[in-house]
Amino acid sequence: MKKERFWKELEKNVIIHGDRMNVAESCIDRHSNSKKPALVFQDEKGRQKIYTYKKLAIKVNQFANFLEKIKVKKQSRIFIFLPKIPEAYISLLGSIKHGSIAVPLFEAFQTGGLELRLNRGNADVLVTNSELAQRLKHKSKKMKLIIINSKSYKKKIKSMPQKFDSALMKKKDTALMIFTSSTAGTPVAGIQIPHKALIQQHYTARLVLDLNSNDRYFCTAHPGWVTGSVYGILAPLSIGCTIYIYEGHFKSKDWIKFIRKNKISVIYTAPTALRMLRQEIKKDDLNNIKNMCSVGEALTKAVFDFYKKIGVEINDSYWQTETGAIVIASWPGLKKKSGAIGKAIPGITAKTKGGMICLKPDFPSIMTGIYKHKKMYKSYFKNNWFLTNDSAHTDKQGYFFFEGRKDDIIKTSGERVSPIEIESILMKHPAVRESAVIGIPNKIKGSAIKAFIVLNKKFTRNEKLKQDISLFVKRNYAGHSYPRIIEFADSLPKTNSGKIIRMKLRKG
């Protein structure tokens, strides 16, 4: 089947009216009479708030009507700066249904990070709470402020009509704008993801995550990151499953209790979380799991092998904010290869060129622009290929082996070294709980390899242990590519989705 026909056929999975659509129709409207749980929120004390599809539809409609009431124009940029609470999900969906652009932000941003994004995104509206609003020191005159826990808002939102017809937009119109985390030295910029991206998001949630309407699904990412918005809200709601949201901070024991209590069947999380969970998790804790998927960084052989021993084969996935949906992955039924991300999903043409993953930009979820960064947007495309700036290699069977961000690859003594490969070896040492590897300037070698190590509890920091770890990599990886510099750390800087922020480590 030709690619154009392939994606055209998959349009049947979502609601489209010729060249018009709205993501909210597939995610909300078609399930609006269902009393089945759509979102289940649980706090650290185990208390739950349940929103059926019917109740969620009403709340979303009321928010869209509220935007109309305060005279917010279609295609406005609605910034959502909230924790993982119901209002964050409702306002994101309501903004899209209204015909505006949802711009979720991670709640950890302080004044500088928040205002930088509001200014660069020309925010029309900011949805937040009274606590987080205190971080806003300089407000533009044109920006409307919605404080979701104020008495005024609570009173007005209750009086809003419970029905709202989804605004039909052009398929290429922006539904989501996600700000890049700037971990690879790129400017902080808003990636524009179109309504039609839902075609691929829905399809890959079925193929890779193996989601169906009966699943009890746990995506660990915050909506401020693309995984949390796309696969934590839109794709699973389009499929009609029940999404479980844990509002508290990461603690292995609490996550395991959450997974067991709610009989979670599908998990989508970062390898960092999987590494931390393995200190506590047992085979019985995963009795209800039919599929576990990873995203955001390389899945090491050590982590994959650990979970395989206790009965779960992890399906890895690769994509970026800029691709809008999964493009390379392993999935149930596809043979796994040690160290491989998987293969290009059906409908995607991918290859490596000069060690970089390149994609034919003819799939529905690819970004349609970078807000106010036309030059940057054009730089991603060359000779009808989309350049990911991620390094990998392939084998004869078409499997991709991820090496790292192009910026992360270390060139030492003329050799290209993948930090991920070294981290994978480090994780096999009994003392190492977490690791991150970077290159630091060296006059002789160009770059020297440095490892940041978080130790397991039983081990004590000392020079002898540093030497032992360094030699362990030398013996088990390569005689020339091992960390000669090791620094012990209490923790490693990460995004909320679990990615290690190597840029912060480089800056010291």
Protein backbone atom coordinates (compact mmCIF):
# COMPACT_ATOMS: atom_id res chain seq x y z
CA MET A 1 0.00 0.00 0.00
CA LYS A 2 1.37 3.40 -0.95
CA LYS A 3 2.11 5.71 1.97
CA GLU A 4 -0.48 8.28 0.99
CA ARG A 5 -3.17 5.59 0.90
CA PHE A 6 -1.82 4.10 4.14
CA TRP A 7 -2.32 7.32 6.14
CA LYS A 8 -5.59 8.05 4.32
CA GLU A 9 -6.93 4.70 5.48
CA LEU A 10 -5.89 5.47 9.07
CA GLU A 11 -7.89 8.71 8.99
CA LYS A 12 -10.92 6.46 9.59
CA ASN A 13 -9.73 6.01 13.20
CA VAL A 14 -10.32 9.68 13.97
CA ILE A 15 -13.09 12.13 13.10
CA ILE A 16 -12.39 14.26 10.03
CA HIS A 17 -14.75 16.36 7.92
CA GLY A 18 -12.98 16.62 4.56
CA ASP A 19 -10.16 19.08 5.16
CA ARG A 20 -11.49 20.12 8.61
CA MET A 21 -11.21 18.52 12.03
CA ASN A 22 -10.74 19.12 15.75
CA VAL A 23 -8.79 16.75 17.97
CA ALA A 24 -11.45 17.16 20.69
CA GLU A 25 -14.11 15.44 18.54
CA SER A 26 -12.17 12.18 18.61
CA CYS A 27 -10.96 12.51 22.20
CA ILE A 28 -14.10 13.89 23.85
CA ASP A 29 -17.22 14.21 21.69
CA ARG A 30 -17.45 10.62 20.47
CA HIS A 31 -17.29 9.30 24.06
CA SER A 32 -19.40 12.05 25.63
CA ASN A 33 -22.28 9.78 26.70
CA SER A 34 -20.05 7.16 28.29
CA LYS A 35 -20.05 6.68 32.06
CA LYS A 36 -16.75 4.84 31.84
CA PRO A 37 -13.81 6.49 33.70
CA ALA A 38 -11.68 8.62 31.40
CA LEU A 39 -9.27 10.16 33.95
CA VAL A 40 -8.49 8.84 37.42
CA PHE A 41 -6.32 11.16 39.53
CA GLN A 42 -4.61 9.83 42.66
CA ASP A 43 -2.64 11.87 45.20
CA GLU A 44 0.18 10.70 47.48
CA LYS A 45 -2.34 9.72 50.19
CA GLY A 46 -4.18 7.41 47.82
CA ARG A 47 -7.25 9.65 47.41
CA GLN A 48 -8.83 9.53 43.97
CA LYS A 49 -10.86 11.84 41.75
CA ILE A 50 -12.66 10.11 38.90
CA TYR A 51 -13.86 11.81 35.74
CA THR A 52 -16.07 9.72 33.48
CA TYR A 53 -16.02 10.53 29.77
CA LYS A 54 -19.44 12.15 30.23
CA LYS A 55 -18.29 14.32 33.14
CA LEU A 56 -15.03 15.21 31.38
CA ALA A 57 -16.97 16.28 28.26
CA ILE A 58 -19.11 18.65 30.36
CA LYS A 59 -16.07 20.18 32.10
CA VAL A 60 -14.23 20.62 28.80
CA ASN A 61 -17.29 22.26 27.22
CA GLN A 62 -17.64 24.64 30.16
CA PHE A 63 -14.01 25.71 29.84
CA ALA A 64 -14.40 26.29 26.08
CA ASN A 65 -17.51 28.36 26.80
CA PHE A 66 -15.60 30.33 29.43
CA LEU A 67 -12.97 31.25 26.83
CA GLU A 68 -15.78 32.51 24.60
CA LYS A 69 -17.26 34.45 27.51
CA ILE A 70 -14.01 36.35 28.16
CA LYS A 71 -13.70 37.00 24.41
CA VAL A 72 -10.70 34.84 23.61
CA LYS A 73 -10.35 34.62 19.83
CA LYS A 74 -9.89 31.38 17.91
CA GLN A 75 -6.25 30.29 17.42
CA SER A 76 -5.14 32.15 20.55
CA ARG A 77 -2.23 30.65 22.47
CA ILE A 78 -3.52 29.36 25.81
CA PHE A 79 -0.61 28.65 28.17
CA ILE A 80 -1.39 26.12 30.90
CA PHE A 81 0.90 26.30 33.94
CA LEU A 82 -0.44 23.76 36.43
CA PRO A 83 0.51 20.56 38.27
CA LYS A 84 -0.94 17.19 37.19
CA ILE A 85 -4.43 18.08 38.42
CA PRO A 86 -7.82 17.80 36.62
CA GLU A 87 -7.87 21.48 35.60
CA ALA A 88 -4.64 21.03 33.62
CA TYR A 89 -6.21 18.29 31.49
CA ILE A 90 -9.59 20.03 31.20
CA SER A 91 -8.09 23.37 30.12
CA LEU A 92 -5.81 21.71 27.55
CA LEU A 93 -8.72 19.87 25.95
CA GLY A 94 -11.05 22.86 26.28
CA SER A 95 -8.55 25.18 24.59
CA ILE A 96 -8.24 22.85 21.60
CA LYS A 97 -12.02 22.36 21.40
CA HIS A 98 -12.46 26.14 21.42
CA GLY A 99 -10.26 26.32 18.31
CA SER A 100 -7.26 27.74 20.14
CA ILE A 101 -3.76 26.37 20.69
CA ALA A 102 -2.94 24.61 23.96
CA VAL A 103 0.54 25.38 25.29
CA PRO A 104 1.20 23.28 28.42
CA LEU A 105 4.17 24.14 30.65
CA PHE A 106 5.95 22.06 33.28
CA GLU A 107 5.13 23.35 36.78
CA ALA A 108 8.78 23.44 37.95
CA PHE A 109 9.63 26.53 35.89
CA GLN A 110 10.47 29.51 38.04
CA THR A 111 10.03 33.18 37.07
CA GLY A 112 12.77 33.25 34.42
CA GLY A 113 11.76 30.05 32.64
CA LEU A 114 8.05 30.88 32.80
CA GLU A 115 8.32 34.45 31.52
CA LEU A 116 10.78 33.47 28.76
CA ARG A 117 8.19 31.04 27.35
CA LEU A 118 5.25 33.41 27.78
CA ASN A 119 7.14 36.14 25.93
CA ARG A 120 8.50 33.93 23.15
CA GLY A 121 5.09 32.36 22.65
CA ASN A 122 3.19 35.67 22.69
CA ALA A 123 0.80 34.24 25.29
CA ASP A 124 -2.80 35.36 24.92
CA VAL A 125 -4.00 33.57 28.05
CA LEU A 126 -2.29 32.00 31.08
CA VAL A 127 -4.19 29.35 33.04
CA THR A 128 -2.63 28.76 36.45
CA ASN A 129 -3.37 28.70 40.20
CA SER A 130 -2.80 31.32 42.88
CA GLU A 131 0.41 29.69 44.12
CA LEU A 132 2.12 29.36 40.72
CA ALA A 133 0.86 32.81 39.65
CA GLN A 134 3.24 34.34 42.20
CA ARG A 135 6.13 33.39 39.90
CA LEU A 136 4.77 35.77 37.27
CA LYS A 137 6.52 39.07 37.99
CA HIS A 138 5.98 40.85 34.65
CA LYS A 139 2.63 40.38 32.90
CA SER A 140 1.98 41.72 29.41
CA LYS A 141 -1.08 43.96 29.12
CA LYS A 142 -2.74 41.86 26.43
CA MET A 143 -2.44 38.53 28.28
CA LYS A 144 -5.55 37.35 30.13
CA LEU A 145 -4.96 35.56 33.45
CA ILE A 146 -7.19 32.68 34.59
CA ILE A 147 -6.67 31.62 38.23
CA ILE A 148 -8.44 28.27 38.50
CA ASN A 149 -8.72 28.22 42.32
CA SER A 150 -10.02 31.79 42.68
CA LYS A 151 -13.58 32.29 43.96
CA SER A 152 -14.43 34.35 40.89
CA TYR A 153 -13.38 31.63 38.42
CA LYS A 154 -15.04 28.82 40.39
CA LYS A 155 -18.33 30.71 40.41
CA LYS A 156 -18.21 31.64 36.72
CA ILE A 157 -17.15 28.22 35.41
CA LYS A 158 -20.09 26.51 37.15
CA SER A 159 -22.52 28.81 35.35
CA MET A 160 -21.12 28.05 31.89
CA PRO A 161 -23.27 26.05 29.41
CA GLN A 162 -22.51 22.32 29.32
CA LYS A 163 -22.55 22.05 25.52
CA PHE A 164 -20.01 23.37 23.01
CA ASP A 165 -19.55 22.40 19.38
CA SER A 166 -15.92 21.69 18.52
CA ALA A 167 -14.49 24.43 16.32
CA LEU A 168 -13.59 22.78 13.03
CA MET A 169 -10.08 23.75 12.01
CA LYS A 170 -7.92 23.06 8.98
CA LYS A 171 -6.04 19.79 9.41
CA LYS A 172 -2.71 21.67 9.37
CA ASP A 173 -3.81 24.20 11.99
CA THR A 174 -1.88 24.00 15.26
CA ALA A 175 -3.59 22.11 18.10
CA LEU A 176 -0.61 21.92 20.47
CA MET A 177 2.46 24.07 20.89
CA ILE A 178 5.15 22.42 22.97
CA PHE A 179 8.24 24.29 24.10
CA THR A 180 11.47 22.39 23.69
CA SER A 181 13.39 21.76 26.90
CA SER A 182 16.57 23.21 25.37
CA THR A 183 18.67 20.28 26.58
CA ALA A 184 20.78 20.16 23.42
CA GLY A 185 21.67 23.82 23.26
CA THR A 186 18.85 24.81 20.90
CA PRO A 187 16.85 28.00 21.56
CA VAL A 188 13.75 27.67 23.72
CA ALA A 189 11.09 27.60 21.01
CA GLY A 190 7.48 26.52 20.49
CA ILE A 191 7.06 23.43 18.30
CA GLN A 192 3.72 23.54 16.46
CA ILE A 193 1.87 20.21 16.23
CA PRO A 194 -1.20 20.11 13.95
CA HIS A 195 -4.67 18.64 14.50
CA LYS A 196 -4.00 15.96 11.85
CA ALA A 197 -1.16 14.60 14.02
CA LEU A 198 -3.87 12.68 15.88
CA ILE A 199 -4.04 10.24 12.95
CA GLN A 200 -0.51 9.03 13.73
CA GLN A 201 -0.80 9.50 17.50
CA HIS A 202 -3.89 7.27 17.62
CA TYR A 203 -2.32 4.66 15.32
CA THR A 204 0.98 4.42 17.23
CA ALA A 205 -0.83 4.25 20.59
CA ARG A 206 -2.55 1.14 19.26
CA LEU A 207 0.52 -0.34 17.55
CA VAL A 208 3.34 0.41 20.01
CA LEU A 209 1.55 0.94 23.33
CA ASP A 210 -0.99 -1.77 22.36
CA LEU A 211 -3.78 0.35 23.83
CA ASN A 212 -7.43 -0.54 23.46
CA SER A 213 -10.58 0.77 25.11
CA ASN A 214 -10.38 -1.76 27.96
CA ASP A 215 -6.90 -0.77 29.13
CA ARG A 216 -5.98 0.85 32.43
CA TYR A 217 -3.14 3.09 31.32
CA PHE A 218 -0.37 4.90 33.21
CA CYS A 219 1.76 7.49 31.37
CA THR A 220 4.20 9.01 33.85
CA ALA A 221 5.05 12.22 31.94
CA HIS A 222 3.75 15.67 32.87
CA PRO A 223 1.55 17.32 30.18
CA GLY A 224 4.16 20.09 29.92
CA TRP A 225 6.32 17.66 27.95
CA VAL A 226 5.22 16.28 24.60
CA THR A 227 4.88 12.69 25.84
CA GLY A 228 2.54 13.82 28.60
CA SER A 229 0.31 15.77 26.20
CA VAL A 230 0.27 13.39 23.24
CA TYR A 231 0.41 9.95 24.89
CA GLY A 232 -0.73 11.04 28.32
CA ILE A 233 -3.92 12.77 27.14
CA LEU A 234 -4.83 12.89 23.43
CA ALA A 235 -4.03 9.46 21.99
CA PRO A 236 -5.42 7.36 24.90
CA LEU A 237 -8.62 9.45 25.08
CA SER A 238 -9.07 9.04 21.33
CA ILE A 239 -8.85 5.26 21.83
CA GLY A 240 -11.26 5.44 24.77
CA CYS A 241 -9.25 3.77 27.54
CA THR A 242 -8.95 4.84 31.20
CA ILE A 243 -5.94 7.03 32.05
CA TYR A 244 -4.52 6.88 35.58
CA ILE A 245 -2.59 9.92 36.79
CA TYR A 246 -0.32 9.89 39.85
CA GLU A 247 -0.09 13.44 41.18
CA GLY A 248 2.77 12.93 43.65
CA HIS A 249 6.55 12.91 43.30
CA PHE A 250 8.43 9.80 42.26
CA LYS A 251 8.97 7.23 45.01
CA SER A 252 9.52 3.62 43.95
CA LYS A 253 7.31 2.10 46.65
CA ASP A 254 4.47 4.56 45.99
CA TRP A 255 4.55 3.96 42.23
CA ILE A 256 4.50 0.19 42.75
CA LYS A 257 1.50 0.49 45.10
CA PHE A 258 -0.22 2.71 42.52
CA ILE A 259 0.40 0.17 39.73
CA ARG A 260 -0.89 -2.71 41.85
CA LYS A 261 -3.91 -0.93 43.34
CA ASN A 262 -5.19 0.28 39.96
CA LYS A 263 -4.36 -2.93 38.09
CA ILE A 264 -2.47 -0.97 35.45
CA SER A 265 -2.19 -2.88 32.16
CA VAL A 266 0.00 -0.52 30.10
CA ILE A 267 2.84 1.72 31.30
CA TYR A 268 4.68 4.37 29.27
CA THR A 269 7.68 5.85 31.08
CA ALA A 270 11.36 6.79 30.87
CA PRO A 271 14.24 4.32 31.29
CA THR A 272 15.46 6.38 34.26
CA ALA A 273 12.23 5.58 36.12
CA LEU A 274 12.52 1.91 35.13
CA ARG A 275 16.08 1.83 36.50
CA MET A 276 14.97 3.36 39.79
CA LEU A 277 11.96 1.05 40.09
CA ARG A 278 14.07 -2.07 39.74
CA GLN A 279 15.49 -1.51 43.23
CA GLU A 280 12.06 -2.42 44.64
CA ILE A 281 9.87 -4.02 41.98
CA LYS A 282 9.02 -7.73 42.01
CA LYS A 283 7.46 -10.07 39.47
CA ASP A 284 4.12 -10.09 41.33
CA ASP A 285 3.90 -6.30 41.03
CA LEU A 286 3.55 -6.65 37.27
CA ASN A 287 0.87 -9.34 37.19
CA ASN A 288 -1.62 -7.12 35.36
CA ILE A 289 0.90 -5.60 32.91
CA LYS A 290 0.43 -6.60 29.28
CA ASN A 291 2.79 -3.96 27.87
CA MET A 292 5.54 -1.71 29.20
CA CYS A 293 7.05 0.94 26.93
CA SER A 294 9.96 3.33 27.30
CA VAL A 295 10.66 6.77 25.86
CA GLY A 296 12.90 9.80 26.24
CA GLU A 297 16.37 8.24 26.39
CA ALA A 298 18.15 5.04 25.51
CA LEU A 299 16.86 1.80 27.00
CA THR A 300 19.98 -0.01 28.15
CA LYS A 301 20.47 -3.77 27.86
CA ALA A 302 20.79 -4.03 31.65
CA VAL A 303 17.32 -2.54 32.20
CA PHE A 304 15.74 -4.54 29.38
CA ASP A 305 17.23 -7.81 30.67
CA PHE A 306 16.14 -7.13 34.25
CA TYR A 307 12.46 -6.69 33.32
CA LYS A 308 12.58 -9.60 30.89
CA LYS A 309 13.67 -11.84 33.79
CA ILE A 310 10.61 -10.83 35.79
CA GLY A 311 8.29 -11.45 32.87
CA VAL A 312 7.97 -8.20 30.88
CA GLU A 313 9.65 -7.40 27.55
CA ILE A 314 9.90 -3.62 27.25
CA ASN A 315 8.96 -2.04 23.93
CA ASP A 316 11.23 0.93 23.28
CA SER A 317 10.10 3.96 21.27
CA TYR A 318 11.80 6.84 19.54
CA TRP A 319 10.34 10.20 18.57
CA GLN A 320 10.78 13.91 19.23
CA THR A 321 8.60 16.91 19.97
CA GLU A 322 9.30 17.85 16.34
CA THR A 323 7.95 14.55 14.94
CA GLY A 324 4.74 14.85 16.98
CA ALA A 325 4.37 11.08 17.42
CA ILE A 326 6.35 7.83 17.56
CA VAL A 327 8.35 7.15 14.38
CA ILE A 328 10.68 4.27 15.33
CA ALA A 329 9.86 1.59 17.89
CA SER A 330 9.59 -2.02 18.87
CA TRP A 331 6.06 -3.26 19.36
CA PRO A 332 4.22 -6.42 20.43
CA GLY A 333 4.82 -9.04 17.74
CA LEU A 334 8.03 -7.47 16.41
CA LYS A 335 11.12 -9.49 17.31
CA LYS A 336 13.28 -7.64 19.84
CA LYS A 337 17.00 -7.12 19.25
CA SER A 338 19.35 -6.41 22.11
CA GLY A 339 20.26 -2.70 22.21
CA ALA A 340 17.92 -1.74 19.35
CA ILE A 341 15.16 0.88 19.55
CA GLY A 342 13.28 -1.15 16.95
CA LYS A 343 12.25 -0.42 13.37
CA ALA A 344 10.57 2.45 11.57
CA ILE A 345 6.84 2.08 12.11
CA PRO A 346 4.72 1.31 9.02
CA GLY A 347 4.16 4.51 7.05
CA ILE A 348 7.54 5.98 8.02
CA THR A 349 10.63 6.02 5.80
CA ALA A 350 13.77 6.31 7.94
CA LYS A 351 17.49 5.88 7.41
CA THR A 352 20.80 6.94 8.91
CA LYS A 353 22.94 9.38 6.99
CA GLY A 354 26.31 10.45 8.34
CA GLY A 355 25.38 8.65 11.56
CA MET A 356 22.16 10.71 11.95
CA ILE A 357 18.57 9.50 11.92
CA CYS A 358 16.75 11.03 8.94
CA LEU A 359 13.05 10.74 8.08
CA LYS A 360 10.98 11.39 4.97
CA PRO A 361 8.77 14.31 6.12
CA ASP A 362 5.54 12.88 4.68
CA PHE A 363 3.84 11.65 7.84
CA PRO A 364 0.84 13.44 9.43
CA SER A 365 2.26 14.26 12.87
CA ILE A 366 5.40 16.13 11.79
CA MET A 367 5.62 19.70 13.12
CA THR A 368 4.23 22.37 10.83
CA GLY A 369 6.41 25.16 12.20
CA ILE A 370 8.45 26.56 15.08
CA TYR A 371 6.80 29.70 16.41
CA LYS A 372 8.73 32.83 15.37
CA HIS A 373 11.69 30.66 14.30
CA LYS A 374 11.28 30.17 10.53
CA LYS A 375 15.02 29.82 9.94
CA MET A 376 15.34 27.22 12.68
CA TYR A 377 12.36 25.30 11.26
CA LYS A 378 13.87 25.23 7.76
CA SER A 379 17.19 23.96 9.17
CA TYR A 380 15.53 20.63 10.00
CA PHE A 381 14.90 19.89 6.31
CA LYS A 382 17.47 19.07 3.64
CA ASN A 383 17.00 17.41 0.24
CA ASN A 384 13.49 16.27 1.19
CA TRP A 385 14.64 14.65 4.44
CA PHE A 386 13.90 15.64 8.02
CA LEU A 387 17.09 15.77 10.11
CA THR A 388 16.60 14.64 13.71
CA ASN A 389 20.10 15.54 14.96
CA ASP A 390 20.07 12.22 16.81
CA SER A 391 22.85 9.72 16.17
CA ALA A 392 22.23 6.05 15.46
CA HIS A 393 23.29 3.14 13.29
CA THR A 394 21.24 0.44 11.57
CA ASP A 395 21.73 -3.21 10.74
CA LYS A 396 20.78 -5.21 7.63
CA GLN A 397 17.35 -6.06 9.06
CA GLY A 398 16.44 -2.38 9.44
CA TYR A 399 16.79 -2.16 13.23
CA PHE A 400 17.94 1.19 14.65
CA PHE A 401 20.50 1.44 17.44
CA PHE A 402 20.35 4.79 19.20
CA GLU A 403 23.65 6.47 20.13
CA GLY A 404 22.57 9.86 21.48
CA ARG A 405 21.97 13.46 20.53
CA LYS A 406 24.40 14.62 17.87
CA ASP A 407 25.54 17.17 20.46
CA ASP A 408 26.15 14.40 23.02
CA ILE A 409 28.47 12.20 20.93
CA ILE A 410 31.99 12.41 22.35
CA LYS A 411 34.97 12.58 20.03
CA THR A 412 38.05 11.46 21.93
CA SER A 413 41.43 10.75 20.31
CA GLY A 414 39.71 10.83 16.91
CA GLU A 415 37.11 8.22 17.91
CA ARG A 416 33.34 8.79 18.14
CA VAL A 417 32.03 7.48 21.47
CA SER A 418 28.39 7.10 22.42
CA PRO A 419 27.77 8.12 26.05
CA ILE A 420 24.81 5.74 26.13
CA GLU A 421 27.01 2.71 25.46
CA ILE A 422 29.32 3.64 28.34
CA GLU A 423 26.36 4.34 30.63
CA SER A 424 24.98 0.89 29.79
CA ILE A 425 28.24 -0.73 30.94
CA LEU A 426 28.41 1.45 34.06
CA MET A 427 24.93 0.29 35.08
CA LYS A 428 26.22 -3.29 35.30
CA HIS A 429 28.61 -2.37 38.12
CA PRO A 430 27.07 -3.32 41.49
CA ALA A 431 27.85 0.11 43.01
CA VAL A 432 26.13 2.16 40.29
CA ARG A 433 22.51 3.18 40.69
CA GLU A 434 22.47 5.91 38.00
CA SER A 435 25.05 7.25 35.57
CA ALA A 436 25.53 10.00 33.02
CA VAL A 437 28.52 10.40 30.71
CA ILE A 438 29.73 13.58 28.99
CA GLY A 439 32.81 14.78 27.15
CA ILE A 440 34.89 17.59 28.65
CA PRO A 441 37.54 19.59 26.74
CA ASN A 442 41.01 18.04 26.69
CA LYS A 443 44.01 19.58 24.88
CA ILE A 444 45.49 16.22 23.87
CA LYS A 445 42.44 14.03 23.22
CA GLY A 446 39.97 16.70 22.10
CA SER A 447 37.52 15.45 24.72
CA ALA A 448 38.01 13.39 27.84
CA ILE A 449 35.26 11.09 29.10
CA LYS A 450 33.70 12.01 32.43
CA ALA A 451 31.07 9.98 34.31
CA PHE A 452 28.69 11.24 36.97
CA ILE A 453 27.67 8.41 39.28
CA VAL A 454 24.86 8.03 41.82
CA LEU A 455 25.80 5.13 44.10
CA ASN A 456 23.66 2.38 45.54
CA LYS A 457 23.11 2.77 49.28
CA LYS A 458 25.54 0.07 50.41
CA PHE A 459 28.57 1.74 48.81
CA THR A 460 30.81 4.54 50.15
CA ARG A 461 32.37 7.26 48.05
CA ASN A 462 36.15 6.95 47.82
CA GLU A 463 38.98 7.11 45.28
CA LYS A 464 39.41 3.35 45.25
CA LEU A 465 35.81 2.88 44.13
CA LYS A 466 36.30 5.47 41.37
CA GLN A 467 39.28 3.49 40.05
CA ASP A 468 37.36 0.23 40.30
CA ILE A 469 34.42 1.62 38.29
CA SER A 470 36.73 3.14 35.68
CA LEU A 471 38.61 -0.14 35.22
CA PHE A 472 35.31 -2.04 35.07
CA VAL A 473 34.35 -0.05 31.95
CA LYS A 474 37.84 -0.44 30.49
CA ARG A 475 37.64 -4.22 30.88
CA ASN A 476 34.07 -4.58 29.70
CA TYR A 477 33.80 -1.93 26.97
CA ALA A 478 37.04 -0.63 25.45
CA GLY A 479 40.61 -0.02 26.44
CA HIS A 480 40.54 3.54 25.08
CA SER A 481 36.94 4.67 25.71
CA TYR A 482 36.38 4.59 29.42
CA PRO A 483 35.78 7.38 31.95
CA ARG A 484 39.07 8.53 33.39
CA ILE A 485 37.22 11.16 35.43
CA ILE A 486 34.44 10.12 37.79
CA GLU A 487 32.36 12.38 39.99
CA PHE A 488 29.94 11.04 42.59
CA ALA A 489 26.60 12.85 42.81
CA ASP A 490 23.52 12.70 45.02
CA SER A 491 21.27 12.90 41.96
CA LEU A 492 21.35 13.67 38.24
CA PRO A 493 19.50 16.62 36.63
CA LYS A 494 16.47 15.38 34.71
CA THR A 495 13.42 16.64 32.91
CA ASN A 496 10.09 15.55 34.39
CA SER A 497 9.82 12.83 31.74
CA GLY A 498 13.08 11.31 33.01
CA LYS A 499 15.60 12.53 30.44
CA ILE A 500 19.05 13.27 31.84
CA ILE A 501 19.94 16.90 31.09
CA ARG A 502 23.56 16.57 30.00
CA MET A 503 23.72 20.28 29.19
CA LYS A 504 23.51 21.05 32.92
CA LEU A 505 26.29 18.57 33.66
CA ARG A 506 28.49 20.20 31.02
CA LYS A 507 27.90 23.62 32.53
CA GLY A 508 28.88 22.30 35.94
